[in-house]
All heavy atoms as atom14 arrays in JSON, in Angstrom:
{
  "sequence": "SPTASGYSLPTYFNGNIHYFIRSNSTDNFVDTGISYPTGLSHMAVTW",
  "atom14_mask": [
    [1, 1, 1, 1, 1, 1, 0, 0, 0, 0, 0, 0, 0, 0],
    [1, 1, 1, 1, 1, 1, 1, 0, 0, 0, 0, 0, 0, 0],
    [1, 1, 1, 1, 1, 1, 1, 0, 0, 0, 0, 0, 0, 0],
    [1, 1, 1, 1, 1, 0, 0, 0, 0, 0, 0, 0, 0, 0],
    [1, 1, 1, 1, 1, 1, 0, 0, 0, 0, 0, 0, 0, 0],
    [1, 1, 1, 1, 0, 0, 0, 0, 0, 0, 0, 0, 0, 0],
    [1, 1, 1, 1, 1, 1, 1, 1, 1, 1, 1, 1, 0, 0],
    [1, 1, 1, 1, 1, 1, 0, 0, 0, 0, 0, 0, 0, 0],
    [1, 1, 1, 1, 1, 1, 1, 1, 0, 0, 0, 0, 0, 0],
    [1, 1, 1, 1, 1, 1, 1, 0, 0, 0, 0, 0, 0, 0],
    [1, 1, 1, 1, 1, 1, 1, 0, 0, 0, 0, 0, 0, 0],
    [1, 1, 1, 1, 1, 1, 1, 1, 1, 1, 1, 1, 0, 0],
    [1, 1, 1, 1, 1, 1, 1, 1, 1, 1, 1, 0, 0, 0],
    [1, 1, 1, 1, 1, 1, 1, 1, 0, 0, 0, 0, 0, 0],
    [1, 1, 1, 1, 0, 0, 0, 0, 0, 0, 0, 0, 0, 0],
    [1, 1, 1, 1, 1, 1, 1, 1, 0, 0, 0, 0, 0, 0],
    [1, 1, 1, 1, 1, 1, 1, 1, 0, 0, 0, 0, 0, 0],
    [1, 1, 1, 1, 1, 1, 1, 1, 1, 1, 0, 0, 0, 0],
    [1, 1, 1, 1, 1, 1, 1, 1, 1, 1, 1, 1, 0, 0],
    [1, 1, 1, 1, 1, 1, 1, 1, 1, 1, 1, 0, 0, 0],
    [1, 1, 1, 1, 1, 1, 1, 1, 0, 0, 0, 0, 0, 0],
    [1, 1, 1, 1, 1, 1, 1, 1, 1, 1, 1, 0, 0, 0],
    [1, 1, 1, 1, 1, 1, 0, 0, 0, 0, 0, 0, 0, 0],
    [1, 1, 1, 1, 1, 1, 1, 1, 0, 0, 0, 0, 0, 0],
    [1, 1, 1, 1, 1, 1, 0, 0, 0, 0, 0, 0, 0, 0],
    [1, 1, 1, 1, 1, 1, 1, 0, 0, 0, 0, 0, 0, 0],
    [1, 1, 1, 1, 1, 1, 1, 1, 0, 0, 0, 0, 0, 0],
    [1, 1, 1, 1, 1, 1, 1, 1, 0, 0, 0, 0, 0, 0],
    [1, 1, 1, 1, 1, 1, 1, 1, 1, 1, 1, 0, 0, 0],
    [1, 1, 1, 1, 1, 1, 1, 0, 0, 0, 0, 0, 0, 0],
    [1, 1, 1, 1, 1, 1, 1, 1, 0, 0, 0, 0, 0, 0],
    [1, 1, 1, 1, 1, 1, 1, 0, 0, 0, 0, 0, 0, 0],
    [1, 1, 1, 1, 0, 0, 0, 0, 0, 0, 0, 0, 0, 0],
    [1, 1, 1, 1, 1, 1, 1, 1, 0, 0, 0, 0, 0, 0],
    [1, 1, 1, 1, 1, 1, 0, 0, 0, 0, 0, 0, 0, 0],
    [1, 1, 1, 1, 1, 1, 1, 1, 1, 1, 1, 1, 0, 0],
    [1, 1, 1, 1, 1, 1, 1, 0, 0, 0, 0, 0, 0, 0],
    [1, 1, 1, 1, 1, 1, 1, 0, 0, 0, 0, 0, 0, 0],
    [1, 1, 1, 1, 0, 0, 0, 0, 0, 0, 0, 0, 0, 0],
    [1, 1, 1, 1, 1, 1, 1, 1, 0, 0, 0, 0, 0, 0],
    [1, 1, 1, 1, 1, 1, 0, 0, 0, 0, 0, 0, 0, 0],
    [1, 1, 1, 1, 1, 1, 1, 1, 1, 1, 0, 0, 0, 0],
    [1, 1, 1, 1, 1, 1, 1, 1, 0, 0, 0, 0, 0, 0],
    [1, 1, 1, 1, 1, 0, 0, 0, 0, 0, 0, 0, 0, 0],
    [1, 1, 1, 1, 1, 1, 1, 0, 0, 0, 0, 0, 0, 0],
    [1, 1, 1, 1, 1, 1, 1, 0, 0, 0, 0, 0, 0, 0],
    [1, 1, 1, 1, 1, 1, 1, 1, 1, 1, 1, 1, 1, 1]
  ],
  "atom14_positions": [
    [[106.96, 71.34, 131.13], [105.75, 70.76, 131.69], [104.71, 70.6, 130.59], [104.54, 71.59, 129.81], [105.24, 71.68, 132.82], [104.04, 71.19, 133.39], [0.0, 0.0, 0.0], [0.0, 0.0, 0.0], [0.0, 0.0, 0.0], [0.0, 0.0, 0.0], [0.0, 0.0, 0.0], [0.0, 0.0, 0.0], [0.0, 0.0, 0.0], [0.0, 0.0, 0.0]],
    [[104.04, 69.48, 130.41], [104.06, 68.35, 131.34], [105.05, 67.26, 131.01], [104.91, 66.14, 131.49], [102.63, 67.83, 131.22], [102.33, 68.03, 129.72], [103.05, 69.32, 129.37], [0.0, 0.0, 0.0], [0.0, 0.0, 0.0], [0.0, 0.0, 0.0], [0.0, 0.0, 0.0], [0.0, 0.0, 0.0], [0.0, 0.0, 0.0], [0.0, 0.0, 0.0]],
    [[106.05, 67.5, 130.24], [106.96, 66.44, 129.84], [108.17, 66.28, 130.74], [109.04, 65.48, 130.45], [107.48, 66.74, 128.39], [108.18, 68.01, 128.38], [106.33, 66.76, 127.4], [0.0, 0.0, 0.0], [0.0, 0.0, 0.0], [0.0, 0.0, 0.0], [0.0, 0.0, 0.0], [0.0, 0.0, 0.0], [0.0, 0.0, 0.0], [0.0, 0.0, 0.0]],
    [[108.2, 67.01, 131.82], [109.34, 66.92, 132.73], [109.35, 65.55, 133.43], [108.3, 64.93, 133.6], [109.28, 68.0, 133.79], [0.0, 0.0, 0.0], [0.0, 0.0, 0.0], [0.0, 0.0, 0.0], [0.0, 0.0, 0.0], [0.0, 0.0, 0.0], [0.0, 0.0, 0.0], [0.0, 0.0, 0.0], [0.0, 0.0, 0.0], [0.0, 0.0, 0.0]],
    [[110.52, 65.1, 133.86], [110.62, 63.88, 134.62], [111.81, 63.94, 135.58], [112.76, 64.66, 135.33], [110.73, 62.67, 133.67], [111.92, 62.78, 132.9], [0.0, 0.0, 0.0], [0.0, 0.0, 0.0], [0.0, 0.0, 0.0], [0.0, 0.0, 0.0], [0.0, 0.0, 0.0], [0.0, 0.0, 0.0], [0.0, 0.0, 0.0], [0.0, 0.0, 0.0]],
    [[111.7, 63.2, 136.67], [112.8, 63.12, 137.59], [112.5, 63.68, 138.96], [111.38, 63.77, 139.34], [0.0, 0.0, 0.0], [0.0, 0.0, 0.0], [0.0, 0.0, 0.0], [0.0, 0.0, 0.0], [0.0, 0.0, 0.0], [0.0, 0.0, 0.0], [0.0, 0.0, 0.0], [0.0, 0.0, 0.0], [0.0, 0.0, 0.0], [0.0, 0.0, 0.0]],
    [[113.56, 64.02, 139.67], [113.43, 64.46, 141.05], [114.53, 65.45, 141.43], [115.6, 65.45, 140.87], [113.48, 63.25, 142.02], [114.62, 62.29, 141.8], [115.85, 62.5, 142.41], [114.51, 61.22, 140.92], [116.93, 61.65, 142.2], [115.54, 60.35, 140.7], [116.77, 60.57, 141.35], [117.81, 59.72, 141.12], [0.0, 0.0, 0.0], [0.0, 0.0, 0.0]],
    [[114.21, 66.32, 142.4], [115.17, 67.28, 142.94], [114.76, 67.55, 144.36], [113.65, 68.04, 144.65], [115.2, 68.56, 142.13], [116.09, 69.49, 142.75], [0.0, 0.0, 0.0], [0.0, 0.0, 0.0], [0.0, 0.0, 0.0], [0.0, 0.0, 0.0], [0.0, 0.0, 0.0], [0.0, 0.0, 0.0], [0.0, 0.0, 0.0], [0.0, 0.0, 0.0]],
    [[115.64, 67.24, 145.33], [115.31, 67.33, 146.73], [116.56, 67.76, 147.53], [117.62, 67.19, 147.31], [114.91, 65.96, 147.25], [114.02, 65.09, 146.39], [113.96, 63.68, 146.91], [112.62, 65.64, 146.35], [0.0, 0.0, 0.0], [0.0, 0.0, 0.0], [0.0, 0.0, 0.0], [0.0, 0.0, 0.0], [0.0, 0.0, 0.0], [0.0, 0.0, 0.0]],
    [[116.45, 68.64, 148.51], [115.37, 69.65, 148.61], [115.73, 70.85, 147.72], [116.86, 71.02, 147.29], [115.48, 70.05, 150.11], [116.92, 69.89, 150.42], [117.4, 68.72, 149.61], [0.0, 0.0, 0.0], [0.0, 0.0, 0.0], [0.0, 0.0, 0.0], [0.0, 0.0, 0.0], [0.0, 0.0, 0.0], [0.0, 0.0, 0.0], [0.0, 0.0, 0.0]],
    [[114.71, 71.68, 147.52], [114.87, 72.86, 146.68], [114.37, 74.08, 147.35], [113.29, 74.04, 148.04], [114.05, 72.68, 145.36], [114.5, 71.49, 144.7], [114.23, 73.85, 144.4], [0.0, 0.0, 0.0], [0.0, 0.0, 0.0], [0.0, 0.0, 0.0], [0.0, 0.0, 0.0], [0.0, 0.0, 0.0], [0.0, 0.0, 0.0], [0.0, 0.0, 0.0]],
    [[115.08, 75.19, 147.28], [114.68, 76.46, 147.89], [113.8, 77.22, 146.93], [114.12, 77.36, 145.75], [115.89, 77.29, 148.24], [115.59, 78.65, 148.77], [115.4, 78.87, 150.16], [115.47, 79.76, 147.94], [115.13, 80.14, 150.67], [115.16, 81.01, 148.43], [114.99, 81.18, 149.77], [114.72, 82.43, 150.26], [0.0, 0.0, 0.0], [0.0, 0.0, 0.0]],
    [[112.64, 77.77, 147.44], [111.84, 78.66, 146.63], [111.04, 79.59, 147.56], [110.28, 79.11, 148.41], [110.88, 77.86, 145.75], [110.16, 78.7, 144.75], [110.77, 79.23, 143.62], [108.82, 79.01, 144.93], [110.08, 80.02, 142.74], [108.11, 79.81, 144.04], [108.78, 80.32, 142.92], [0.0, 0.0, 0.0], [0.0, 0.0, 0.0], [0.0, 0.0, 0.0]],
    [[111.24, 80.89, 147.35], [110.49, 81.91, 148.15], [110.51, 81.64, 149.66], [109.52, 81.81, 150.34], [109.05, 82.0, 147.65], [108.98, 82.64, 146.25], [109.94, 83.23, 145.78], [107.82, 82.54, 145.62], [0.0, 0.0, 0.0], [0.0, 0.0, 0.0], [0.0, 0.0, 0.0], [0.0, 0.0, 0.0], [0.0, 0.0, 0.0], [0.0, 0.0, 0.0]],
    [[111.67, 81.21, 150.13], [111.84, 81.06, 151.54], [111.55, 79.71, 152.13], [111.91, 79.37, 153.25], [0.0, 0.0, 0.0], [0.0, 0.0, 0.0], [0.0, 0.0, 0.0], [0.0, 0.0, 0.0], [0.0, 0.0, 0.0], [0.0, 0.0, 0.0], [0.0, 0.0, 0.0], [0.0, 0.0, 0.0], [0.0, 0.0, 0.0], [0.0, 0.0, 0.0]],
    [[110.83, 78.87, 151.34], [110.41, 77.56, 151.85], [111.18, 76.41, 151.2], [111.75, 76.53, 150.1], [108.93, 77.36, 151.59], [108.03, 78.1, 152.59], [108.53, 78.76, 153.48], [106.73, 78.05, 152.34], [0.0, 0.0, 0.0], [0.0, 0.0, 0.0], [0.0, 0.0, 0.0], [0.0, 0.0, 0.0], [0.0, 0.0, 0.0], [0.0, 0.0, 0.0]],
    [[111.14, 75.26, 151.86], [111.67, 74.02, 151.33], [110.64, 73.42, 150.37], [109.45, 73.21, 150.76], [112.01, 73.01, 152.45], [113.04, 73.61, 153.4], [112.49, 71.71, 151.85], [113.15, 72.86, 154.7], [0.0, 0.0, 0.0], [0.0, 0.0, 0.0], [0.0, 0.0, 0.0], [0.0, 0.0, 0.0], [0.0, 0.0, 0.0], [0.0, 0.0, 0.0]],
    [[111.06, 73.17, 149.14], [110.24, 72.51, 148.18], [110.95, 71.24, 147.65], [112.16, 71.06, 147.94], [110.01, 73.37, 146.93], [109.09, 74.55, 147.17], [109.39, 75.57, 148.05], [107.86, 74.88, 146.65], [108.43, 76.49, 148.05], [107.52, 76.08, 147.21], [0.0, 0.0, 0.0], [0.0, 0.0, 0.0], [0.0, 0.0, 0.0], [0.0, 0.0, 0.0]],
    [[110.26, 70.4, 146.91], [110.93, 69.35, 146.21], [110.14, 69.03, 144.94], [108.92, 69.26, 144.86], [111.12, 68.07, 147.05], [109.89, 67.5, 147.7], [109.11, 66.57, 147.04], [109.51, 67.91, 148.98], [107.97, 66.02, 147.65], [108.39, 67.35, 149.58], [107.61, 66.42, 148.94], [106.49, 65.91, 149.55], [0.0, 0.0, 0.0], [0.0, 0.0, 0.0]],
    [[110.9, 68.67, 143.9], [110.33, 68.2, 142.62], [110.2, 66.69, 142.64], [111.16, 66.0, 142.98], [111.21, 68.6, 141.43], [111.11, 70.03, 141.01], [112.18, 70.88, 141.25], [110.03, 70.5, 140.32], [112.13, 72.2, 140.85], [109.93, 71.81, 139.92], [111.03, 72.67, 140.16], [0.0, 0.0, 0.0], [0.0, 0.0, 0.0], [0.0, 0.0, 0.0]],
    [[109.07, 66.15, 142.3], [108.93, 64.75, 141.88], [108.09, 64.82, 140.61], [106.89, 65.08, 140.67], [108.29, 63.87, 142.97], [109.11, 63.9, 144.25], [108.13, 62.45, 142.45], [108.5, 63.09, 145.35], [0.0, 0.0, 0.0], [0.0, 0.0, 0.0], [0.0, 0.0, 0.0], [0.0, 0.0, 0.0], [0.0, 0.0, 0.0], [0.0, 0.0, 0.0]],
    [[108.72, 64.59, 139.48], [108.12, 64.92, 138.19], [108.01, 63.7, 137.31], [108.94, 62.9, 137.24], [108.96, 66.0, 137.47], [109.48, 67.06, 138.4], [110.36, 68.05, 137.7], [109.49, 69.03, 136.98], [110.0, 70.16, 136.47], [111.27, 70.4, 136.54], [109.21, 71.0, 135.85], [0.0, 0.0, 0.0], [0.0, 0.0, 0.0], [0.0, 0.0, 0.0]],
    [[106.89, 63.58, 136.63], [106.69, 62.48, 135.68], [106.43, 63.09, 134.3], [106.29, 64.29, 134.17], [105.57, 61.57, 136.07], [104.32, 62.21, 135.91], [0.0, 0.0, 0.0], [0.0, 0.0, 0.0], [0.0, 0.0, 0.0], [0.0, 0.0, 0.0], [0.0, 0.0, 0.0], [0.0, 0.0, 0.0], [0.0, 0.0, 0.0], [0.0, 0.0, 0.0]],
    [[106.27, 62.22, 133.32], [106.01, 62.72, 131.96], [104.58, 63.31, 131.86], [104.28, 63.97, 130.9], [106.14, 61.62, 130.93], [107.62, 61.33, 130.63], [108.45, 62.17, 130.83], [107.89, 60.11, 130.13], [0.0, 0.0, 0.0], [0.0, 0.0, 0.0], [0.0, 0.0, 0.0], [0.0, 0.0, 0.0], [0.0, 0.0, 0.0], [0.0, 0.0, 0.0]],
    [[103.74, 63.04, 132.84], [102.35, 63.51, 132.75], [102.01, 64.54, 133.79], [101.08, 65.29, 133.65], [101.37, 62.3, 132.92], [101.62, 61.69, 134.14], [0.0, 0.0, 0.0], [0.0, 0.0, 0.0], [0.0, 0.0, 0.0], [0.0, 0.0, 0.0], [0.0, 0.0, 0.0], [0.0, 0.0, 0.0], [0.0, 0.0, 0.0], [0.0, 0.0, 0.0]],
    [[102.8, 64.63, 134.88], [102.48, 65.54, 135.98], [103.73, 66.24, 136.45], [104.78, 65.61, 136.64], [101.85, 64.74, 137.14], [100.74, 63.97, 136.68], [101.37, 65.71, 138.24], [0.0, 0.0, 0.0], [0.0, 0.0, 0.0], [0.0, 0.0, 0.0], [0.0, 0.0, 0.0], [0.0, 0.0, 0.0], [0.0, 0.0, 0.0], [0.0, 0.0, 0.0]],
    [[103.6, 67.55, 136.7], [104.73, 68.3, 137.2], [104.39, 68.65, 138.68], [103.62, 69.53, 138.97], [104.85, 69.66, 136.36], [106.06, 70.46, 136.78], [106.75, 70.03, 137.72], [106.29, 71.49, 136.18], [0.0, 0.0, 0.0], [0.0, 0.0, 0.0], [0.0, 0.0, 0.0], [0.0, 0.0, 0.0], [0.0, 0.0, 0.0], [0.0, 0.0, 0.0]],
    [[105.03, 67.95, 139.59], [104.75, 68.09, 141.01], [105.91, 68.89, 141.67], [107.01, 68.36, 141.85], [104.63, 66.71, 141.67], [103.43, 65.95, 141.12], [102.32, 66.28, 141.43], [103.74, 64.89, 140.33], [0.0, 0.0, 0.0], [0.0, 0.0, 0.0], [0.0, 0.0, 0.0], [0.0, 0.0, 0.0], [0.0, 0.0, 0.0], [0.0, 0.0, 0.0]],
    [[105.66, 70.12, 141.94], [106.63, 70.97, 142.68], [105.93, 71.23, 144.06], [105.05, 72.04, 144.18], [106.85, 72.27, 141.94], [107.92, 73.14, 142.55], [109.08, 72.59, 143.05], [107.8, 74.52, 142.61], [110.11, 73.36, 143.59], [108.77, 75.33, 143.13], [109.92, 74.77, 143.64], [0.0, 0.0, 0.0], [0.0, 0.0, 0.0], [0.0, 0.0, 0.0]],
    [[106.38, 70.51, 145.03], [105.69, 70.4, 146.35], [106.29, 71.41, 147.31], [107.51, 71.45, 147.56], [105.81, 68.98, 146.92], [105.09, 68.89, 148.21], [105.26, 67.96, 145.92], [0.0, 0.0, 0.0], [0.0, 0.0, 0.0], [0.0, 0.0, 0.0], [0.0, 0.0, 0.0], [0.0, 0.0, 0.0], [0.0, 0.0, 0.0], [0.0, 0.0, 0.0]],
    [[105.41, 72.25, 147.87], [105.8, 73.24, 148.85], [105.5, 72.61, 150.24], [104.37, 72.34, 150.58], [104.97, 74.5, 148.69], [105.34, 75.61, 149.72], [106.21, 75.38, 150.57], [104.72, 76.69, 149.56], [0.0, 0.0, 0.0], [0.0, 0.0, 0.0], [0.0, 0.0, 0.0], [0.0, 0.0, 0.0], [0.0, 0.0, 0.0], [0.0, 0.0, 0.0]],
    [[106.55, 72.44, 151.05], [106.36, 71.82, 152.35], [105.73, 72.81, 153.36], [105.23, 72.41, 154.43], [107.67, 71.33, 152.94], [108.51, 72.44, 153.2], [108.37, 70.36, 152.0], [0.0, 0.0, 0.0], [0.0, 0.0, 0.0], [0.0, 0.0, 0.0], [0.0, 0.0, 0.0], [0.0, 0.0, 0.0], [0.0, 0.0, 0.0], [0.0, 0.0, 0.0]],
    [[105.82, 74.12, 153.04], [105.37, 75.14, 153.99], [106.37, 75.34, 155.13], [106.09, 76.13, 156.04], [0.0, 0.0, 0.0], [0.0, 0.0, 0.0], [0.0, 0.0, 0.0], [0.0, 0.0, 0.0], [0.0, 0.0, 0.0], [0.0, 0.0, 0.0], [0.0, 0.0, 0.0], [0.0, 0.0, 0.0], [0.0, 0.0, 0.0], [0.0, 0.0, 0.0]],
    [[107.56, 74.7, 155.04], [108.56, 74.85, 156.07], [109.62, 75.79, 155.65], [110.12, 75.7, 154.5], [109.24, 73.45, 156.35], [108.17, 72.39, 156.66], [110.24, 73.59, 157.46], [107.35, 72.66, 157.86], [0.0, 0.0, 0.0], [0.0, 0.0, 0.0], [0.0, 0.0, 0.0], [0.0, 0.0, 0.0], [0.0, 0.0, 0.0], [0.0, 0.0, 0.0]],
    [[109.96, 76.76, 156.46], [111.01, 77.73, 156.11], [112.35, 77.03, 155.98], [112.71, 76.14, 156.8], [111.11, 78.8, 157.2], [109.95, 79.6, 157.26], [0.0, 0.0, 0.0], [0.0, 0.0, 0.0], [0.0, 0.0, 0.0], [0.0, 0.0, 0.0], [0.0, 0.0, 0.0], [0.0, 0.0, 0.0], [0.0, 0.0, 0.0], [0.0, 0.0, 0.0]],
    [[113.09, 77.39, 154.94], [114.39, 76.8, 154.7], [115.36, 77.26, 155.81], [115.52, 78.43, 156.01], [114.91, 77.2, 153.35], [115.91, 76.25, 152.69], [115.55, 75.53, 151.57], [117.16, 76.06, 153.22], [116.42, 74.67, 150.96], [118.07, 75.19, 152.61], [117.71, 74.49, 151.49], [118.58, 73.63, 150.87], [0.0, 0.0, 0.0], [0.0, 0.0, 0.0]],
    [[115.95, 76.33, 156.58], [116.82, 76.78, 157.68], [118.04, 77.56, 157.19], [118.61, 77.31, 156.11], [117.29, 75.42, 158.31], [116.27, 74.43, 157.84], [115.81, 74.87, 156.5], [0.0, 0.0, 0.0], [0.0, 0.0, 0.0], [0.0, 0.0, 0.0], [0.0, 0.0, 0.0], [0.0, 0.0, 0.0], [0.0, 0.0, 0.0], [0.0, 0.0, 0.0]],
    [[118.43, 78.55, 157.97], [119.57, 79.37, 157.63], [120.88, 78.81, 158.14], [121.93, 79.26, 157.76], [119.39, 80.8, 158.19], [119.24, 80.7, 159.61], [118.19, 81.44, 157.59], [0.0, 0.0, 0.0], [0.0, 0.0, 0.0], [0.0, 0.0, 0.0], [0.0, 0.0, 0.0], [0.0, 0.0, 0.0], [0.0, 0.0, 0.0], [0.0, 0.0, 0.0]],
    [[120.83, 77.78, 158.98], [122.02, 77.15, 159.44], [122.13, 75.68, 159.11], [121.36, 75.17, 158.27], [0.0, 0.0, 0.0], [0.0, 0.0, 0.0], [0.0, 0.0, 0.0], [0.0, 0.0, 0.0], [0.0, 0.0, 0.0], [0.0, 0.0, 0.0], [0.0, 0.0, 0.0], [0.0, 0.0, 0.0], [0.0, 0.0, 0.0], [0.0, 0.0, 0.0]],
    [[122.96, 74.96, 159.83], [123.19, 73.56, 159.56], [121.96, 72.74, 159.95], [121.37, 72.95, 161.01], [124.38, 73.1, 160.31], [124.95, 71.7, 160.0], [126.47, 71.72, 160.15], [124.36, 70.64, 160.9], [0.0, 0.0, 0.0], [0.0, 0.0, 0.0], [0.0, 0.0, 0.0], [0.0, 0.0, 0.0], [0.0, 0.0, 0.0], [0.0, 0.0, 0.0]],
    [[121.56, 71.8, 159.11], [120.43, 70.95, 159.41], [120.51, 69.63, 158.67], [121.27, 69.47, 157.69], [119.1, 71.67, 159.09], [119.01, 71.92, 157.71], [0.0, 0.0, 0.0], [0.0, 0.0, 0.0], [0.0, 0.0, 0.0], [0.0, 0.0, 0.0], [0.0, 0.0, 0.0], [0.0, 0.0, 0.0], [0.0, 0.0, 0.0], [0.0, 0.0, 0.0]],
    [[119.67, 68.69, 159.11], [119.47, 67.43, 158.36], [118.08, 67.45, 157.74], [117.09, 67.79, 158.41], [119.62, 66.24, 159.36], [119.32, 64.92, 158.74], [118.09, 64.29, 158.81], [120.1, 64.15, 157.95], [118.15, 63.12, 158.12], [119.36, 63.03, 157.62], [0.0, 0.0, 0.0], [0.0, 0.0, 0.0], [0.0, 0.0, 0.0], [0.0, 0.0, 0.0]],
    [[118.02, 67.11, 156.49], [116.73, 67.03, 155.76], [116.59, 65.69, 155.09], [117.6, 65.08, 154.65], [116.66, 68.12, 154.68], [116.77, 69.52, 155.15], [116.49, 70.69, 153.78], [117.01, 72.2, 154.56], [0.0, 0.0, 0.0], [0.0, 0.0, 0.0], [0.0, 0.0, 0.0], [0.0, 0.0, 0.0], [0.0, 0.0, 0.0], [0.0, 0.0, 0.0]],
    [[115.38, 65.18, 154.99], [115.1, 63.94, 154.27], [113.72, 64.02, 153.64], [112.79, 64.58, 154.2], [115.15, 62.74, 155.19], [0.0, 0.0, 0.0], [0.0, 0.0, 0.0], [0.0, 0.0, 0.0], [0.0, 0.0, 0.0], [0.0, 0.0, 0.0], [0.0, 0.0, 0.0], [0.0, 0.0, 0.0], [0.0, 0.0, 0.0], [0.0, 0.0, 0.0]],
    [[113.61, 63.51, 152.42], [112.34, 63.34, 151.7], [112.2, 61.91, 151.31], [113.13, 61.29, 150.82], [112.31, 64.27, 150.48], [111.02, 64.06, 149.68], [112.42, 65.74, 150.85], [0.0, 0.0, 0.0], [0.0, 0.0, 0.0], [0.0, 0.0, 0.0], [0.0, 0.0, 0.0], [0.0, 0.0, 0.0], [0.0, 0.0, 0.0], [0.0, 0.0, 0.0]],
    [[111.02, 61.36, 151.51], [110.71, 59.98, 151.12], [109.58, 59.93, 150.13], [108.65, 60.75, 150.2], [110.35, 59.11, 152.31], [109.14, 59.56, 152.91], [111.43, 59.17, 153.4], [0.0, 0.0, 0.0], [0.0, 0.0, 0.0], [0.0, 0.0, 0.0], [0.0, 0.0, 0.0], [0.0, 0.0, 0.0], [0.0, 0.0, 0.0], [0.0, 0.0, 0.0]],
    [[109.64, 59.01, 149.18], [108.61, 58.89, 148.15], [108.5, 57.44, 147.69], [109.51, 56.71, 147.66], [108.99, 59.76, 146.93], [108.27, 59.43, 145.65], [107.0, 59.83, 145.33], [108.7, 58.6, 144.59], [106.65, 59.34, 144.1], [107.67, 58.56, 143.61], [109.89, 57.9, 144.36], [107.81, 57.85, 142.45], [110.0, 57.18, 143.17], [108.98, 57.15, 142.21]]
  ]
}
């Protein structure tokens, strides 16, 4: 950071669903505030 680039969806961190959307100038690690499900589920992220 701040040279990271790309995307990673979804990502687990400290119990919540996160996602990376990263550019060469900004490191965006977004916390959805949603607990990562322990069972089967469908997830989608749009950008």
